[in-house]
Amino acid sequence: MIGNAISWGQSGYSIIEEGELNRQTWALDVHHYLIAKPSGQPVPGRFTLEQAKAKIEALESEES
């Protein structure tokens, strides 16, 4: 299940929560994070939140 999206970086990347709905608490148990490019296309891989932030920062530095 997809959860919240977090805008990160300067050029429009998004970090997206992915996990399962906890049937006891009705909260999303986040298992990992996905990255979407500014175009909406996914970046391959599954990341921790810190890895996702670092990956976006690396991608942006490659673009400039």
N, C-alpha and C. Protein backbone atom coordinates (compact mmCIF):
# COMPACT_ATOMS: atom_id res chain seq x y z
N MET A 1 0.84 -1.16 0.00
CA MET A 1 0.00 0.00 0.00
C MET A 1 0.90 1.24 0.00
N ILE A 2 0.51 2.22 -0.76
CA ILE A 2 1.24 3.48 -0.84
C ILE A 2 0.72 4.43 0.23
N GLY A 3 1.63 5.13 0.89
CA GLY A 3 1.27 6.10 1.91
C GLY A 3 1.53 7.52 1.44
N ASN A 4 2.04 8.31 2.30
CA ASN A 4 2.30 9.72 2.02
C ASN A 4 3.48 9.90 1.08
N ALA A 5 3.47 11.01 0.36
CA ALA A 5 4.60 11.41 -0.47
C ALA A 5 5.25 12.63 0.19
N ILE A 6 6.58 12.65 0.15
CA ILE A 6 7.35 13.74 0.73
C ILE A 6 8.15 14.38 -0.38
N SER A 7 7.98 15.66 -0.59
CA SER A 7 8.78 16.37 -1.57
C SER A 7 10.19 16.51 -1.03
N TRP A 8 11.20 16.23 -1.90
CA TRP A 8 12.59 16.34 -1.45
C TRP A 8 13.45 16.87 -2.58
N GLY A 9 14.42 17.67 -2.22
CA GLY A 9 15.35 18.21 -3.20
C GLY A 9 14.84 19.51 -3.81
N GLN A 10 15.56 19.96 -4.81
CA GLN A 10 15.27 21.26 -5.42
C GLN A 10 14.54 21.15 -6.76
N SER A 11 14.45 19.93 -7.31
CA SER A 11 13.91 19.83 -8.67
C SER A 11 12.64 19.01 -8.80
N GLY A 12 11.98 18.68 -7.69
CA GLY A 12 10.67 18.04 -7.78
C GLY A 12 10.62 16.54 -7.56
N TYR A 13 11.63 15.96 -6.95
CA TYR A 13 11.58 14.53 -6.63
C TYR A 13 10.62 14.31 -5.45
N SER A 14 10.06 13.10 -5.39
CA SER A 14 9.18 12.72 -4.28
C SER A 14 9.65 11.42 -3.66
N ILE A 15 9.54 11.34 -2.35
CA ILE A 15 9.80 10.12 -1.61
C ILE A 15 8.43 9.59 -1.18
N ILE A 16 8.16 8.32 -1.49
CA ILE A 16 6.83 7.76 -1.26
C ILE A 16 6.92 6.58 -0.29
N GLU A 17 6.08 6.61 0.74
CA GLU A 17 6.02 5.52 1.70
C GLU A 17 5.35 4.30 1.06
N GLU A 18 5.87 3.11 1.37
CA GLU A 18 5.20 1.89 0.94
C GLU A 18 5.24 0.91 2.10
N GLY A 19 4.11 0.28 2.37
CA GLY A 19 4.03 -0.66 3.47
C GLY A 19 2.68 -1.35 3.51
N GLU A 20 2.29 -1.75 4.71
CA GLU A 20 1.04 -2.46 4.91
C GLU A 20 0.20 -1.77 5.97
N LEU A 21 -1.10 -1.84 5.81
CA LEU A 21 -2.01 -1.29 6.79
C LEU A 21 -2.06 -2.22 8.00
N ASN A 22 -1.79 -1.69 9.17
CA ASN A 22 -1.88 -2.46 10.41
C ASN A 22 -3.35 -2.53 10.79
N ARG A 23 -3.92 -3.70 10.78
CA ARG A 23 -5.36 -3.86 11.02
C ARG A 23 -5.78 -3.58 12.46
N GLN A 24 -4.81 -3.56 13.36
CA GLN A 24 -5.14 -3.27 14.76
C GLN A 24 -5.11 -1.78 15.04
N THR A 25 -4.18 -1.06 14.43
CA THR A 25 -4.06 0.37 14.70
C THR A 25 -4.58 1.24 13.56
N TRP A 26 -4.83 0.66 12.40
CA TRP A 26 -5.24 1.37 11.19
C TRP A 26 -4.18 2.37 10.72
N ALA A 27 -2.95 2.17 11.15
CA ALA A 27 -1.83 3.01 10.71
C ALA A 27 -1.04 2.23 9.65
N LEU A 28 -0.35 2.96 8.80
CA LEU A 28 0.49 2.33 7.80
C LEU A 28 1.83 1.95 8.44
N ASP A 29 2.17 0.68 8.39
CA ASP A 29 3.48 0.23 8.82
C ASP A 29 4.40 0.33 7.61
N VAL A 30 5.24 1.35 7.60
CA VAL A 30 6.11 1.61 6.44
C VAL A 30 7.23 0.58 6.43
N HIS A 31 7.39 -0.10 5.28
CA HIS A 31 8.45 -1.08 5.11
C HIS A 31 9.67 -0.49 4.42
N HIS A 32 9.42 0.42 3.48
CA HIS A 32 10.50 1.05 2.73
C HIS A 32 9.93 2.26 2.00
N TYR A 33 10.81 2.95 1.28
CA TYR A 33 10.42 4.16 0.55
C TYR A 33 10.80 4.00 -0.92
N LEU A 34 9.99 4.61 -1.77
CA LEU A 34 10.22 4.65 -3.20
C LEU A 34 10.54 6.09 -3.59
N ILE A 35 11.16 6.26 -4.74
CA ILE A 35 11.46 7.60 -5.24
C ILE A 35 10.80 7.78 -6.59
N ALA A 36 10.16 8.93 -6.77
CA ALA A 36 9.59 9.31 -8.07
C ALA A 36 10.34 10.52 -8.60
N LYS A 37 10.73 10.45 -9.87
CA LYS A 37 11.38 11.57 -10.54
C LYS A 37 10.37 12.71 -10.71
N PRO A 38 10.83 13.92 -11.03
CA PRO A 38 9.90 15.02 -11.28
C PRO A 38 8.89 14.70 -12.38
N SER A 39 9.26 13.83 -13.32
CA SER A 39 8.35 13.43 -14.41
C SER A 39 7.30 12.43 -13.95
N GLY A 40 7.46 11.90 -12.73
CA GLY A 40 6.55 10.89 -12.22
C GLY A 40 7.06 9.47 -12.41
N GLN A 41 8.11 9.30 -13.19
CA GLN A 41 8.69 7.98 -13.41
C GLN A 41 9.42 7.51 -12.14
N PRO A 42 9.34 6.21 -11.84
CA PRO A 42 10.03 5.72 -10.64
C PRO A 42 11.53 5.60 -10.83
N VAL A 43 12.26 5.77 -9.75
CA VAL A 43 13.69 5.47 -9.70
C VAL A 43 13.77 4.03 -9.19
N PRO A 44 14.51 3.14 -9.88
CA PRO A 44 14.57 1.75 -9.44
C PRO A 44 15.11 1.61 -8.02
N GLY A 45 14.49 0.72 -7.25
CA GLY A 45 14.98 0.40 -5.92
C GLY A 45 14.00 0.71 -4.82
N ARG A 46 14.33 0.19 -3.66
CA ARG A 46 13.60 0.44 -2.42
C ARG A 46 14.63 0.95 -1.43
N PHE A 47 14.25 1.93 -0.62
CA PHE A 47 15.22 2.64 0.19
C PHE A 47 14.70 2.85 1.61
N THR A 48 15.64 3.08 2.55
CA THR A 48 15.26 3.65 3.84
C THR A 48 15.02 5.13 3.56
N LEU A 49 14.47 5.84 4.50
CA LEU A 49 14.23 7.27 4.30
C LEU A 49 15.54 8.01 4.08
N GLU A 50 16.54 7.71 4.87
CA GLU A 50 17.84 8.39 4.73
C GLU A 50 18.50 8.05 3.39
N GLN A 51 18.39 6.80 2.96
CA GLN A 51 18.94 6.41 1.66
C GLN A 51 18.24 7.15 0.52
N ALA A 52 16.92 7.28 0.62
CA ALA A 52 16.16 7.97 -0.41
C ALA A 52 16.57 9.44 -0.51
N LYS A 53 16.73 10.09 0.62
CA LYS A 53 17.16 11.49 0.62
C LYS A 53 18.54 11.63 -0.02
N ALA A 54 19.46 10.74 0.36
CA ALA A 54 20.81 10.78 -0.19
C ALA A 54 20.82 10.49 -1.68
N LYS A 55 19.99 9.54 -2.13
CA LYS A 55 19.91 9.20 -3.56
C LYS A 55 19.42 10.39 -4.37
N ILE A 56 18.40 11.08 -3.87
CA ILE A 56 17.89 12.26 -4.58
C ILE A 56 18.96 13.34 -4.66
N GLU A 57 19.64 13.57 -3.56
CA GLU A 57 20.70 14.58 -3.56
C GLU A 57 21.81 14.21 -4.54
N ALA A 58 22.14 12.92 -4.65
CA ALA A 58 23.15 12.47 -5.61
C ALA A 58 22.66 12.64 -7.04
N LEU A 59 21.40 12.30 -7.28
CA LEU A 59 20.83 12.46 -8.63
C LEU A 59 20.82 13.93 -9.06
N GLU A 60 20.46 14.80 -8.13
CA GLU A 60 20.43 16.21 -8.45
C GLU A 60 21.82 16.76 -8.72
N SER A 61 22.83 16.29 -7.98
CA SER A 61 24.18 16.78 -8.22
C SER A 61 24.72 16.28 -9.56
N GLU A 62 24.28 15.10 -10.02
CA GLU A 62 24.66 14.59 -11.33
C GLU A 62 24.04 15.43 -12.46
N GLU A 63 22.83 15.94 -12.20
CA GLU A 63 22.10 16.71 -13.22
C GLU A 63 22.70 18.08 -13.44
N SER A 64 23.38 18.63 -12.44
CA SER A 64 23.89 20.01 -12.58
C SER A 64 25.30 20.06 -13.12
